């Protein structure tokens, strides 16, 4: 999963963007579906979401894949964040990070906290 944070940028977890096998990248998404909430439910209105090709990605420089945690003694999911650049802007409105007076205080380079949920292993 991820969040559309700009018309052409998705914020996601690095472990969702790729997986590492023998130190080689083996999975980069070629498309992103924006606006879909129930991925495998065929009754969802197809006009409510769109699929857009990806143009690139950026993984946080301190990301450590959790498969290496035991061997390297690192923190699970450290730096587990990534950005996906879309080939075009989505028609769907991006998520708001903040509103009101708080939004006026945010600037480039400010530190924010990103929360999520889910399993990283079964």
PDB file of N, CA and C in Angstrom:
ATOM      1  N   UNK A   1       0.824  -1.188   0.000  1.00  0.00           N
ATOM      2  CA  UNK A   1       0.000   0.000   0.000  1.00  0.00           C
ATOM      3  C   UNK A   1       0.857   1.236   0.000  1.00  0.00           C
ATOM      4  N   UNK A   2       0.213   2.356  -0.140  1.00  0.00           N
ATOM      5  CA  UNK A   2       0.913   3.625  -0.145  1.00  0.00           C
ATOM      6  C   UNK A   2      -0.076   4.767  -0.119  1.00  0.00           C
ATOM      7  N   UNK A   3       0.445   5.986  -0.083  1.00  0.00           N
ATOM      8  CA  UNK A   3      -0.382   7.190  -0.086  1.00  0.00           C
ATOM      9  C   UNK A   3       0.093   8.127  -1.181  1.00  0.00           C
ATOM     10  N   UNK A   4      -0.851   8.660  -1.933  1.00  0.00           N
ATOM     11  CA  UNK A   4      -0.547   9.668  -2.935  1.00  0.00           C
ATOM     12  C   UNK A   4      -0.289  10.968  -2.187  1.00  0.00           C
ATOM     13  N   UNK A   5       0.948  11.472  -2.201  1.00  0.00           N
ATOM     14  CA  UNK A   5       1.279  12.679  -1.433  1.00  0.00           C
ATOM     15  C   UNK A   5       1.482  13.904  -2.329  1.00  0.00           C
ATOM     16  N   UNK A   6       1.526  13.696  -3.629  1.00  0.00           N
ATOM     17  CA  UNK A   6       1.565  14.750  -4.640  1.00  0.00           C
ATOM     18  C   UNK A   6       0.858  14.158  -5.858  1.00  0.00           C
ATOM     19  N   UNK A   7       0.447  14.965  -6.810  1.00  0.00           N
ATOM     20  CA  UNK A   7      -0.272  14.392  -7.958  1.00  0.00           C
ATOM     21  C   UNK A   7       0.460  13.274  -8.678  1.00  0.00           C
ATOM     22  N   UNK A   8       1.800  13.252  -8.587  1.00  0.00           N
ATOM     23  CA  UNK A   8       2.577  12.224  -9.293  1.00  0.00           C
ATOM     24  C   UNK A   8       3.598  11.518  -8.400  1.00  0.00           C
ATOM     25  N   UNK A   9       3.365  11.506  -7.064  1.00  0.00           N
ATOM     26  CA  UNK A   9       4.300  10.856  -6.134  1.00  0.00           C
ATOM     27  C   UNK A   9       3.527  10.042  -5.109  1.00  0.00           C
ATOM     28  N   UNK A  10       3.957   8.781  -4.905  1.00  0.00           N
ATOM     29  CA  UNK A  10       3.360   7.888  -3.906  1.00  0.00           C
ATOM     30  C   UNK A  10       4.391   7.619  -2.819  1.00  0.00           C
ATOM     31  N   UNK A  11       3.979   7.750  -1.554  1.00  0.00           N
ATOM     32  CA  UNK A  11       4.799   7.396  -0.400  1.00  0.00           C
ATOM     33  C   UNK A  11       4.423   5.977  -0.001  1.00  0.00           C
ATOM     34  N   UNK A  12       5.410   5.102   0.136  1.00  0.00           N
ATOM     35  CA  UNK A  12       5.156   3.717   0.496  1.00  0.00           C
ATOM     36  C   UNK A  12       6.283   3.205   1.389  1.00  0.00           C
ATOM     37  N   UNK A  13       6.164   1.983   1.823  1.00  0.00           N
ATOM     38  CA  UNK A  13       7.233   1.335   2.592  1.00  0.00           C
ATOM     39  C   UNK A  13       8.235   0.733   1.610  1.00  0.00           C
ATOM     40  N   UNK A  14       9.514   0.839   1.930  1.00  0.00           N
ATOM     41  CA  UNK A  14      10.547   0.279   1.054  1.00  0.00           C
ATOM     42  C   UNK A  14      10.378  -1.223   0.883  1.00  0.00           C
ATOM     43  N   UNK A  15       9.921  -1.918   1.950  1.00  0.00           N
ATOM     44  CA  UNK A  15       9.766  -3.371   1.827  1.00  0.00           C
ATOM     45  C   UNK A  15       8.631  -3.734   0.878  1.00  0.00           C
ATOM     46  N   UNK A  16       7.726  -2.795   0.586  1.00  0.00           N
ATOM     47  CA  UNK A  16       6.667  -3.038  -0.401  1.00  0.00           C
ATOM     48  C   UNK A  16       7.158  -2.774  -1.820  1.00  0.00           C
ATOM     49  N   UNK A  17       8.145  -1.935  -1.947  1.00  0.00           N
ATOM     50  CA  UNK A  17       8.638  -1.540  -3.261  1.00  0.00           C
ATOM     51  C   UNK A  17       9.558  -2.575  -3.877  1.00  0.00           C
ATOM     52  N   UNK A  18      10.363  -3.211  -3.052  1.00  0.00           N
ATOM     53  CA  UNK A  18      11.297  -4.192  -3.607  1.00  0.00           C
ATOM     54  C   UNK A  18      11.561  -5.277  -2.589  1.00  0.00           C
ATOM     55  N   UNK A  19      12.112  -6.345  -3.071  1.00  0.00           N
ATOM     56  CA  UNK A  19      12.616  -7.392  -2.190  1.00  0.00           C
ATOM     57  C   UNK A  19      14.011  -7.737  -2.675  1.00  0.00           C
ATOM     58  N   UNK A  20      14.825  -8.203  -1.787  1.00  0.00           N
ATOM     59  CA  UNK A  20      16.218  -8.467  -2.127  1.00  0.00           C
ATOM     60  C   UNK A  20      16.485  -9.962  -2.031  1.00  0.00           C
ATOM     61  N   UNK A  21      17.122 -10.523  -3.062  1.00  0.00           N
ATOM     62  CA  UNK A  21      17.489 -11.925  -3.082  1.00  0.00           C
ATOM     63  C   UNK A  21      18.926 -11.992  -3.597  1.00  0.00           C
ATOM     64  N   UNK A  22      19.827 -12.476  -2.780  1.00  0.00           N
ATOM     65  CA  UNK A  22      21.249 -12.535  -3.145  1.00  0.00           C
ATOM     66  C   UNK A  22      21.795 -11.149  -3.512  1.00  0.00           C
ATOM     67  N   UNK A  23      21.335 -10.106  -2.781  1.00  0.00           N
ATOM     68  CA  UNK A  23      21.769  -8.728  -2.961  1.00  0.00           C
ATOM     69  C   UNK A  23      21.403  -8.149  -4.319  1.00  0.00           C
ATOM     70  N   UNK A  24      20.396  -8.705  -5.007  1.00  0.00           N
ATOM     71  CA  UNK A  24      19.935  -8.157  -6.278  1.00  0.00           C
ATOM     72  C   UNK A  24      18.479  -7.742  -6.139  1.00  0.00           C
ATOM     73  N   UNK A  25      18.130  -6.605  -6.718  1.00  0.00           N
ATOM     74  CA  UNK A  25      16.742  -6.162  -6.728  1.00  0.00           C
ATOM     75  C   UNK A  25      15.949  -7.095  -7.631  1.00  0.00           C
ATOM     76  N   UNK A  26      14.837  -7.643  -7.118  1.00  0.00           N
ATOM     77  CA  UNK A  26      14.068  -8.588  -7.926  1.00  0.00           C
ATOM     78  C   UNK A  26      12.621  -8.160  -8.148  1.00  0.00           C
ATOM     79  N   UNK A  27      12.169  -7.046  -7.538  1.00  0.00           N
ATOM     80  CA  UNK A  27      10.771  -6.656  -7.720  1.00  0.00           C
ATOM     81  C   UNK A  27      10.611  -5.148  -7.614  1.00  0.00           C
ATOM     82  N   UNK A  28      10.366  -4.492  -8.727  1.00  0.00           N
ATOM     83  CA  UNK A  28      10.048  -3.072  -8.752  1.00  0.00           C
ATOM     84  C   UNK A  28       8.704  -2.949  -9.470  1.00  0.00           C
ATOM     85  N   UNK A  29       7.715  -2.272  -8.863  1.00  0.00           N
ATOM     86  CA  UNK A  29       6.409  -2.169  -9.539  1.00  0.00           C
ATOM     87  C   UNK A  29       6.494  -1.329 -10.806  1.00  0.00           C
ATOM     88  N   UNK A  30       5.884  -1.802 -11.873  1.00  0.00           N
ATOM     89  CA  UNK A  30       5.851  -1.066 -13.131  1.00  0.00           C
ATOM     90  C   UNK A  30       4.612  -0.191 -13.226  1.00  0.00           C
ATOM     91  N   UNK A  31       3.603  -0.518 -12.429  1.00  0.00           N
ATOM     92  CA  UNK A  31       2.383   0.295 -12.378  1.00  0.00           C
ATOM     93  C   UNK A  31       1.948   0.461 -10.926  1.00  0.00           C
ATOM     94  N   UNK A  32       1.180   1.514 -10.683  1.00  0.00           N
ATOM     95  CA  UNK A  32       0.603   1.775  -9.373  1.00  0.00           C
ATOM     96  C   UNK A  32      -0.885   2.028  -9.582  1.00  0.00           C
ATOM     97  N   UNK A  33      -1.711   1.437  -8.737  1.00  0.00           N
ATOM     98  CA  UNK A  33      -3.148   1.682  -8.785  1.00  0.00           C
ATOM     99  C   UNK A  33      -3.479   2.694  -7.696  1.00  0.00           C
ATOM    100  N   UNK A  34      -4.031   3.829  -8.099  1.00  0.00           N
ATOM    101  CA  UNK A  34      -4.334   4.928  -7.185  1.00  0.00           C
ATOM    102  C   UNK A  34      -5.843   5.003  -6.978  1.00  0.00           C
ATOM    103  N   UNK A  35      -6.259   5.077  -5.711  1.00  0.00           N
ATOM    104  CA  UNK A  35      -7.672   5.246  -5.396  1.00  0.00           C
ATOM    105  C   UNK A  35      -8.430   3.964  -5.154  1.00  0.00           C
ATOM    106  N   UNK A  36      -7.762   2.841  -5.269  1.00  0.00           N
ATOM    107  CA  UNK A  36      -8.417   1.555  -5.019  1.00  0.00           C
ATOM    108  C   UNK A  36      -8.161   1.142  -3.583  1.00  0.00           C
ATOM    109  N   UNK A  37      -9.226   0.732  -2.899  1.00  0.00           N
ATOM    110  CA  UNK A  37      -9.113   0.397  -1.489  1.00  0.00           C
ATOM    111  C   UNK A  37      -9.227  -1.093  -1.210  1.00  0.00           C
ATOM    112  N   UNK A  38      -9.888  -1.824  -2.088  1.00  0.00           N
ATOM    113  CA  UNK A  38     -10.063  -3.263  -1.921  1.00  0.00           C
ATOM    114  C   UNK A  38      -9.460  -3.905  -3.161  1.00  0.00           C
ATOM    115  N   UNK A  39      -8.191  -4.271  -3.067  1.00  0.00           N
ATOM    116  CA  UNK A  39      -7.417  -4.674  -4.231  1.00  0.00           C
ATOM    117  C   UNK A  39      -8.026  -5.829  -5.023  1.00  0.00           C
ATOM    118  N   UNK A  40      -8.580  -6.830  -4.349  1.00  0.00           N
ATOM    119  CA  UNK A  40      -9.062  -8.010  -5.066  1.00  0.00           C
ATOM    120  C   UNK A  40     -10.574  -8.109  -5.124  1.00  0.00           C
ATOM    121  N   UNK A  41     -11.273  -7.035  -4.898  1.00  0.00           N
ATOM    122  CA  UNK A  41     -12.727  -7.060  -4.932  1.00  0.00           C
ATOM    123  C   UNK A  41     -13.200  -6.543  -6.277  1.00  0.00           C
ATOM    124  N   UNK A  42     -13.696  -7.404  -7.115  1.00  0.00           N
ATOM    125  CA  UNK A  42     -14.072  -7.052  -8.480  1.00  0.00           C
ATOM    126  C   UNK A  42     -15.316  -6.163  -8.559  1.00  0.00           C
ATOM    127  N   UNK A  43     -16.054  -6.028  -7.454  1.00  0.00           N
ATOM    128  CA  UNK A  43     -17.250  -5.204  -7.475  1.00  0.00           C
ATOM    129  C   UNK A  43     -16.954  -3.723  -7.258  1.00  0.00           C
ATOM    130  N   UNK A  44     -15.704  -3.380  -6.959  1.00  0.00           N
ATOM    131  CA  UNK A  44     -15.348  -1.978  -6.770  1.00  0.00           C
ATOM    132  C   UNK A  44     -15.468  -1.238  -8.100  1.00  0.00           C
ATOM    133  N   UNK A  45     -15.994  -0.024  -8.062  1.00  0.00           N
ATOM    134  CA  UNK A  45     -16.245   0.781  -9.257  1.00  0.00           C
ATOM    135  C   UNK A  45     -14.921   1.121  -9.961  1.00  0.00           C
ATOM    136  N   UNK A  46     -14.724   0.650 -11.194  1.00  0.00           N
ATOM    137  CA  UNK A  46     -13.469   0.913 -11.897  1.00  0.00           C
ATOM    138  C   UNK A  46     -13.247   2.387 -12.214  1.00  0.00           C
ATOM    139  N   UNK A  47     -14.295   3.211 -12.164  1.00  0.00           N
ATOM    140  CA  UNK A  47     -14.130   4.645 -12.388  1.00  0.00           C
ATOM    141  C   UNK A  47     -13.594   5.359 -11.148  1.00  0.00           C
ATOM    142  N   UNK A  48     -13.531   4.665 -10.021  1.00  0.00           N
ATOM    143  CA  UNK A  48     -13.089   5.266  -8.764  1.00  0.00           C
ATOM    144  C   UNK A  48     -11.573   5.201  -8.598  1.00  0.00           C
ATOM    145  N   UNK A  49     -10.881   4.474  -9.460  1.00  0.00           N
ATOM    146  CA  UNK A  49      -9.426   4.350  -9.347  1.00  0.00           C
ATOM    147  C   UNK A  49      -8.785   4.366 -10.723  1.00  0.00           C
ATOM    148  N   UNK A  50      -7.475   4.506 -10.761  1.00  0.00           N
ATOM    149  CA  UNK A  50      -6.744   4.500 -12.031  1.00  0.00           C
ATOM    150  C   UNK A  50      -5.388   3.813 -11.847  1.00  0.00           C
ATOM    151  N   UNK A  51      -4.896   3.222 -12.916  1.00  0.00           N
ATOM    152  CA  UNK A  51      -3.592   2.567 -12.902  1.00  0.00           C
ATOM    153  C   UNK A  51      -2.644   3.404 -13.750  1.00  0.00           C
ATOM    154  N   UNK A  52      -1.487   3.747 -13.146  1.00  0.00           N
ATOM    155  CA  UNK A  52      -0.520   4.640 -13.792  1.00  0.00           C
ATOM    156  C   UNK A  52       0.851   3.958 -13.803  1.00  0.00           C
ATOM    157  N   UNK A  53       1.570   4.078 -14.911  1.00  0.00           N
ATOM    158  CA  UNK A  53       2.926   3.543 -15.002  1.00  0.00           C
ATOM    159  C   UNK A  53       3.863   4.315 -14.072  1.00  0.00           C
ATOM    160  N   UNK A  54       4.869   3.613 -13.550  1.00  0.00           N
ATOM    161  CA  UNK A  54       5.862   4.266 -12.704  1.00  0.00           C
ATOM    162  C   UNK A  54       7.001   4.798 -13.568  1.00  0.00           C
ATOM    163  N   UNK A  55       7.587   5.922 -13.130  1.00  0.00           N
ATOM    164  CA  UNK A  55       8.701   6.530 -13.857  1.00  0.00           C
ATOM    165  C   UNK A  55      10.015   6.348 -13.103  1.00  0.00           C
ATOM    166  N   UNK A  56       9.942   6.064 -11.809  1.00  0.00           N
ATOM    167  CA  UNK A  56      11.150   5.897 -11.025  1.00  0.00           C
ATOM    168  C   UNK A  56      10.810   5.737  -9.561  1.00  0.00           C
ATOM    169  N   UNK A  57      11.832   5.595  -8.750  1.00  0.00           N
ATOM    170  CA  UNK A  57      11.623   5.403  -7.320  1.00  0.00           C
ATOM    171  C   UNK A  57      12.854   5.888  -6.562  1.00  0.00           C
ATOM    172  N   UNK A  58      12.684   6.153  -5.285  1.00  0.00           N
ATOM    173  CA  UNK A  58      13.784   6.533  -4.406  1.00  0.00           C
ATOM    174  C   UNK A  58      13.560   5.845  -3.075  1.00  0.00           C
ATOM    175  N   UNK A  59      14.521   5.053  -2.637  1.00  0.00           N
ATOM    176  CA  UNK A  59      14.449   4.339  -1.359  1.00  0.00           C
ATOM    177  C   UNK A  59      15.289   5.113  -0.341  1.00  0.00           C
ATOM    178  N   UNK A  60      14.803   5.223   0.882  1.00  0.00           N
ATOM    179  CA  UNK A  60      15.531   5.935   1.926  1.00  0.00           C
ATOM    180  C   UNK A  60      16.943   5.355   2.065  1.00  0.00           C
ATOM    181  N   UNK A  61      17.925   6.230   2.183  1.00  0.00           N
ATOM    182  CA  UNK A  61      19.331   5.800   2.194  1.00  0.00           C
ATOM    183  C   UNK A  61      19.687   4.879   3.359  1.00  0.00           C
ATOM    184  N   UNK A  62      18.899   4.901   4.443  1.00  0.00           N
ATOM    185  CA  UNK A  62      19.243   4.036   5.582  1.00  0.00           C
ATOM    186  C   UNK A  62      18.379   2.778   5.651  1.00  0.00           C
ATOM    187  N   UNK A  63      17.622   2.492   4.573  1.00  0.00           N
ATOM    188  CA  UNK A  63      16.776   1.292   4.590  1.00  0.00           C
ATOM    189  C   UNK A  63      17.627   0.038   4.676  1.00  0.00           C
ATOM    190  N   UNK A  64      17.233  -0.845   5.563  1.00  0.00           N
ATOM    191  CA  UNK A  64      17.868  -2.155   5.699  1.00  0.00           C
ATOM    192  C   UNK A  64      16.762  -3.188   5.565  1.00  0.00           C
ATOM    193  N   UNK A  65      16.844  -4.022   4.551  1.00  0.00           N
ATOM    194  CA  UNK A  65      15.828  -5.052   4.343  1.00  0.00           C
ATOM    195  C   UNK A  65      15.763  -5.956   5.569  1.00  0.00           C
ATOM    196  N   UNK A  66      14.551  -6.241   6.050  1.00  0.00           N
ATOM    197  CA  UNK A  66      14.383  -7.033   7.271  1.00  0.00           C
ATOM    198  C   UNK A  66      14.914  -8.448   7.130  1.00  0.00           C
ATOM    199  N   UNK A  67      15.116  -8.941   5.909  1.00  0.00           N
ATOM    200  CA  UNK A  67      15.661 -10.286   5.743  1.00  0.00           C
ATOM    201  C   UNK A  67      17.116 -10.346   6.200  1.00  0.00           C
ATOM    202  N   UNK A  68      17.777  -9.192   6.317  1.00  0.00           N
ATOM    203  CA  UNK A  68      19.163  -9.159   6.764  1.00  0.00           C
ATOM    204  C   UNK A  68      19.293  -8.876   8.256  1.00  0.00           C
ATOM    205  N   UNK A  69      18.182  -8.670   8.960  1.00  0.00           N
ATOM    206  CA  UNK A  69      18.218  -8.250  10.366  1.00  0.00           C
ATOM    207  C   UNK A  69      19.033  -9.182  11.252  1.00  0.00           C
ATOM    208  N   UNK A  70      18.790 -10.472  11.154  1.00  0.00           N
ATOM    209  CA  UNK A  70      19.464 -11.416  12.040  1.00  0.00           C
ATOM    210  C   UNK A  70      20.965 -11.444  11.783  1.00  0.00           C
ATOM    211  N   UNK A  71      21.343 -11.437  10.523  1.00  0.00           N
ATOM    212  CA  UNK A  71      22.761 -11.516  10.182  1.00  0.00           C
ATOM    213  C   UNK A  71      23.505 -10.226  10.508  1.00  0.00           C
ATOM    214  N   UNK A  72      22.858  -9.083  10.340  1.00  0.00           N
ATOM    215  CA  UNK A  72      23.546  -7.805  10.505  1.00  0.00           C
ATOM    216  C   UNK A  72      23.282  -7.167  11.865  1.00  0.00           C
ATOM    217  N   UNK A  73      22.327  -7.696  12.623  1.00  0.00           N
ATOM    218  CA  UNK A  73      22.022  -7.140  13.926  1.00  0.00           C
ATOM    219  C   UNK A  73      21.441  -5.738  13.858  1.00  0.00           C
ATOM    220  N   UNK A  74      20.680  -5.449  12.807  1.00  0.00           N
ATOM    221  CA  UNK A  74      20.103  -4.112  12.634  1.00  0.00           C
ATOM    222  C   UNK A  74      18.673  -4.068  13.150  1.00  0.00           C
ATOM    223  N   UNK A  75      18.147  -2.870  13.259  1.00  0.00           N
ATOM    224  CA  UNK A  75      16.763  -2.698  13.684  1.00  0.00           C
ATOM    225  C   UNK A  75      15.828  -3.096  12.551  1.00  0.00           C
ATOM    226  N   UNK A  76      14.752  -3.843  12.839  1.00  0.00           N
ATOM    227  CA  UNK A  76      13.801  -4.216  11.781  1.00  0.00           C
ATOM    228  C   UNK A  76      13.166  -2.996  11.138  1.00  0.00           C
ATOM    229  N   UNK A  77      13.196  -2.951   9.830  1.00  0.00           N
ATOM    230  CA  UNK A  77      12.506  -1.904   9.092  1.00  0.00           C
ATOM    231  C   UNK A  77      13.113  -0.524   9.200  1.00  0.00           C
ATOM    232  N   UNK A  78      14.346  -0.389   9.634  1.00  0.00           N
ATOM    233  CA  UNK A  78      14.974   0.922   9.773  1.00  0.00           C
ATOM    234  C   UNK A  78      15.012   1.632   8.418  1.00  0.00           C
ATOM    235  N   UNK A  79      14.477   2.842   8.357  1.00  0.00           N
ATOM    236  CA  UNK A  79      14.454   3.600   7.106  1.00  0.00           C
ATOM    237  C   UNK A  79      13.518   3.005   6.079  1.00  0.00           C
ATOM    238  N   UNK A  80      12.498   2.287   6.515  1.00  0.00           N
ATOM    239  CA  UNK A  80      11.594   1.547   5.624  1.00  0.00           C
ATOM    240  C   UNK A  80      10.581   2.476   4.964  1.00  0.00           C
ATOM    241  N   UNK A  81      11.082   3.359   4.094  1.00  0.00           N
ATOM    242  CA  UNK A  81      10.226   4.318   3.389  1.00  0.00           C
ATOM    243  C   UNK A  81      10.785   4.530   1.984  1.00  0.00           C
ATOM    244  N   UNK A  82       9.877   4.758   1.039  1.00  0.00           N
ATOM    245  CA  UNK A  82      10.284   4.972  -0.347  1.00  0.00           C
ATOM    246  C   UNK A  82       9.273   5.875  -1.048  1.00  0.00           C
ATOM    247  N   UNK A  83       9.725   6.507  -2.117  1.00  0.00           N
ATOM    248  CA  UNK A  83       8.865   7.332  -2.965  1.00  0.00           C
ATOM    249  C   UNK A  83       8.820   6.712  -4.349  1.00  0.00           C
ATOM    250  N   UNK A  84       7.636   6.695  -4.948  1.00  0.00           N
ATOM    251  CA  UNK A  84       7.470   6.222  -6.323  1.00  0.00           C
ATOM    252  C   UNK A  84       7.013   7.413  -7.160  1.00  0.00           C
ATOM    253  N   UNK A  85       7.758   7.713  -8.210  1.00  0.00           N
ATOM    254  CA  UNK A  85       7.406   8.783  -9.140  1.00  0.00           C
ATOM    255  C   UNK A  85       6.543   8.176 -10.236  1.00  0.00           C
ATOM    256  N   UNK A  86       5.403   8.796 -10.519  1.00  0.00           N
ATOM    257  CA  UNK A  86       4.492   8.319 -11.560  1.00  0.00           C
ATOM    258  C   UNK A  86       4.796   9.005 -12.884  1.00  0.00           C
ATOM    259  N   UNK A  87       4.488   8.335 -13.988  1.00  0.00           N
ATOM    260  CA  UNK A  87       4.727   8.908 -15.320  1.00  0.00           C
ATOM    261  C   UNK A  87       3.854  10.128 -15.591  1.00  0.00           C
ATOM    262  N   UNK A  88       2.717  10.201 -14.921  1.00  0.00           N
ATOM    263  CA  UNK A  88       1.814  11.341 -15.097  1.00  0.00           C
ATOM    264  C   UNK A  88       1.086  11.598 -13.782  1.00  0.00           C
ATOM    265  N   UNK A  89       0.487  12.759 -13.705  1.00  0.00           N
ATOM    266  CA  UNK A  89      -0.273  13.118 -12.510  1.00  0.00           C
ATOM    267  C   UNK A  89      -1.561  12.312 -12.439  1.00  0.00           C
ATOM    268  N   UNK A  90      -1.936  11.944 -11.247  1.00  0.00           N
ATOM    269  CA  UNK A  90      -3.200  11.251 -11.015  1.00  0.00           C
ATOM    270  C   UNK A  90      -4.333  12.266 -10.981  1.00  0.00           C
ATOM    271  N   UNK A  91      -5.521  11.824 -11.348  1.00  0.00           N
ATOM    272  CA  UNK A  91      -6.717  12.661 -11.252  1.00  0.00           C
ATOM    273  C   UNK A  91      -7.251  12.684  -9.822  1.00  0.00           C
ATOM    274  N   UNK A  92      -6.766  11.755  -9.006  1.00  0.00           N
ATOM    275  CA  UNK A  92      -7.223  11.632  -7.620  1.00  0.00           C
ATOM    276  C   UNK A  92      -6.463  12.631  -6.751  1.00  0.00           C
ATOM    277  N   UNK A  93      -7.165  13.232  -5.808  1.00  0.00           N
ATOM    278  CA  UNK A  93      -6.589  14.249  -4.935  1.00  0.00           C
ATOM    279  C   UNK A  93      -5.602  13.615  -3.946  1.00  0.00           C
ATOM    280  N   UNK A  94      -4.390  14.168  -3.838  1.00  0.00           N
ATOM    281  CA  UNK A  94      -3.406  13.625  -2.888  1.00  0.00           C
ATOM    282  C   UNK A  94      -3.863  13.779  -1.437  1.00  0.00           C
ATOM    283  N   UNK A  95      -3.310  12.943  -0.568  1.00  0.00           N
ATOM    284  CA  UNK A  95      -3.601  13.028   0.866  1.00  0.00           C
ATOM    285  C   UNK A  95      -3.040  14.328   1.415  1.00  0.00           C
ATOM    286  N   UNK A  96      -3.740  14.905   2.382  1.00  0.00           N
ATOM    287  CA  UNK A  96      -3.245  16.109   3.041  1.00  0.00           C
ATOM    288  C   UNK A  96      -2.368  15.700   4.209  1.00  0.00           C
ATOM    289  N   UNK A  97      -1.197  16.287   4.293  1.00  0.00           N
ATOM    290  CA  UNK A  97      -0.307  16.000   5.409  1.00  0.00           C
ATOM    291  C   UNK A  97      -0.780  16.744   6.647  1.00  0.00           C
ATOM    292  N   UNK A  98      -1.202  17.961   6.474  1.00  0.00           N
ATOM    293  CA  UNK A  98      -1.683  18.774   7.581  1.00  0.00           C
ATOM    294  C   UNK A  98      -2.641  19.816   7.019  1.00  0.00           C
ATOM    295  N   UNK A  99      -3.394  20.447   7.896  1.00  0.00           N
ATOM    296  CA  UNK A  99      -4.301  21.497   7.433  1.00  0.00           C
ATOM    297  C   UNK A  99      -4.305  22.644   8.434  1.00  0.00           C
ATOM    298  N   UNK A 100      -4.806  23.752   7.997  1.00  0.00           N
ATOM    299  CA  UNK A 100      -4.890  24.909   8.876  1.00  0.00           C
ATOM    300  C   UNK A 100      -3.528  25.512   9.168  1.00  0.00           C
ATOM    301  N   UNK A 101      -3.387  26.067  10.365  1.00  0.00           N
ATOM    302  CA  UNK A 101      -2.168  26.763  10.761  1.00  0.00           C
ATOM    303  C   UNK A 101      -0.954  25.843  10.753  1.00  0.00           C
ATOM    304  N   UNK A 102      -1.150  24.553  11.063  1.00  0.00           N
ATOM    305  CA  UNK A 102      -0.020  23.618  11.089  1.00  0.00           C
ATOM    306  C   UNK A 102       0.614  23.491   9.709  1.00  0.00           C
ATOM    307  N   UNK A 103      -0.185  23.524   8.648  1.00  0.00           N
ATOM    308  CA  UNK A 103       0.344  23.401   7.290  1.00  0.00           C
ATOM    309  C   UNK A 103       1.252  24.577   6.942  1.00  0.00           C
ATOM    310  N   UNK A 104       0.965  25.757   7.474  1.00  0.00           N
ATOM    311  CA  UNK A 104       1.783  26.935   7.206  1.00  0.00           C
ATOM    312  C   UNK A 104       3.149  26.843   7.861  1.00  0.00           C
ATOM    313  N   UNK A 105       3.282  26.016   8.885  1.00  0.00           N
ATOM    314  CA  UNK A 105       4.551  25.890   9.597  1.00  0.00           C
ATOM    315  C   UNK A 105       5.468  24.822   8.991  1.00  0.00           C
ATOM    316  N   UNK A 106       4.960  24.004   8.071  1.00  0.00           N
ATOM    317  CA  UNK A 106       5.786  22.952   7.475  1.00  0.00           C
ATOM    318  C   UNK A 106       6.656  23.522   6.364  1.00  0.00           C
ATOM    319  N   UNK A 107       7.901  23.086   6.317  1.00  0.00           N
ATOM    320  CA  UNK A 107       8.815  23.526   5.278  1.00  0.00           C
ATOM    321  C   UNK A 107       9.634  22.369   4.751  1.00  0.00           C
ATOM    322  N   UNK A 108      10.305  22.579   3.634  1.00  0.00           N
ATOM    323  CA  UNK A 108      11.174  21.568   3.045  1.00  0.00           C
ATOM    324  C   UNK A 108      12.261  21.214   4.059  1.00  0.00           C
ATOM    325  N   UNK A 109      12.462  19.917   4.283  1.00  0.00           N
ATOM    326  CA  UNK A 109      13.479  19.445   5.205  1.00  0.00           C
ATOM    327  C   UNK A 109      12.993  19.242   6.625  1.00  0.00           C
ATOM    328  N   UNK A 110      11.751  19.635   6.927  1.00  0.00           N
ATOM    329  CA  UNK A 110      11.206  19.412   8.266  1.00  0.00           C
ATOM    330  C   UNK A 110      11.057  17.924   8.514  1.00  0.00           C
ATOM    331  N   UNK A 111      11.242  17.509   9.760  1.00  0.00           N
ATOM    332  CA  UNK A 111      11.097  16.100  10.130  1.00  0.00           C
ATOM    333  C   UNK A 111       9.631  15.812  10.436  1.00  0.00           C
ATOM    334  N   UNK A 112       9.125  14.729   9.896  1.00  0.00           N
ATOM    335  CA  UNK A 112       7.761  14.278  10.132  1.00  0.00           C
ATOM    336  C   UNK A 112       7.790  12.822  10.547  1.00  0.00           C
ATOM    337  N   UNK A 113       6.724  12.352  11.165  1.00  0.00           N
ATOM    338  CA  UNK A 113       6.599  10.948  11.532  1.00  0.00           C
ATOM    339  C   UNK A 113       5.562  10.301  10.625  1.00  0.00           C
ATOM    340  N   UNK A 114       5.913   9.160  10.041  1.00  0.00           N
ATOM    341  CA  UNK A 114       5.017   8.411   9.173  1.00  0.00           C
ATOM    342  C   UNK A 114       4.664   7.116   9.888  1.00  0.00           C
ATOM    343  N   UNK A 115       3.388   6.818   9.985  1.00  0.00           N
ATOM    344  CA  UNK A 115       2.934   5.606  10.645  1.00  0.00           C
ATOM    345  C   UNK A 115       2.275   4.677   9.654  1.00  0.00           C
ATOM    346  N   UNK A 116       2.308   3.385   9.933  1.00  0.00           N
ATOM    347  CA  UNK A 116       1.656   2.413   9.086  1.00  0.00           C
ATOM    348  C   UNK A 116       1.357   1.161   9.880  1.00  0.00           C
ATOM    349  N   UNK A 117       0.836   0.169   9.196  1.00  0.00           N
ATOM    350  CA  UNK A 117       0.542  -1.092   9.872  1.00  0.00           C
ATOM    351  C   UNK A 117       0.679  -2.221   8.881  1.00  0.00           C
ATOM    352  N   UNK A 118       0.699  -3.440   9.395  1.00  0.00           N
ATOM    353  CA  UNK A 118       0.767  -4.604   8.535  1.00  0.00           C
ATOM    354  C   UNK A 118       1.841  -5.565   8.995  1.00  0.00           C
ATOM    355  N   UNK A 119       1.845  -6.732   8.401  1.00  0.00           N
ATOM    356  CA  UNK A 119       2.832  -7.747   8.730  1.00  0.00           C
ATOM    357  C   UNK A 119       4.013  -7.664   7.793  1.00  0.00           C
ATOM    358  N   UNK A 120       5.205  -7.894   8.305  1.00  0.00           N
ATOM    359  CA  UNK A 120       6.377  -7.983   7.436  1.00  0.00           C
ATOM    360  C   UNK A 120       6.780  -9.429   7.216  1.00  0.00           C
ATOM    361  N   UNK A 121       6.166 -10.345   7.996  1.00  0.00           N
ATOM    362  CA  UNK A 121       6.356 -11.788   7.767  1.00  0.00           C
ATOM    363  C   UNK A 121       5.171 -12.522   8.345  1.00  0.00           C
ATOM    364  N   UNK A 122       4.897 -13.704   7.816  1.00  0.00           N
ATOM    365  CA  UNK A 122       3.726 -14.474   8.254  1.00  0.00           C
ATOM    366  C   UNK A 122       4.028 -15.293   9.479  1.00  0.00           C
TER     367      UNK A 122
END
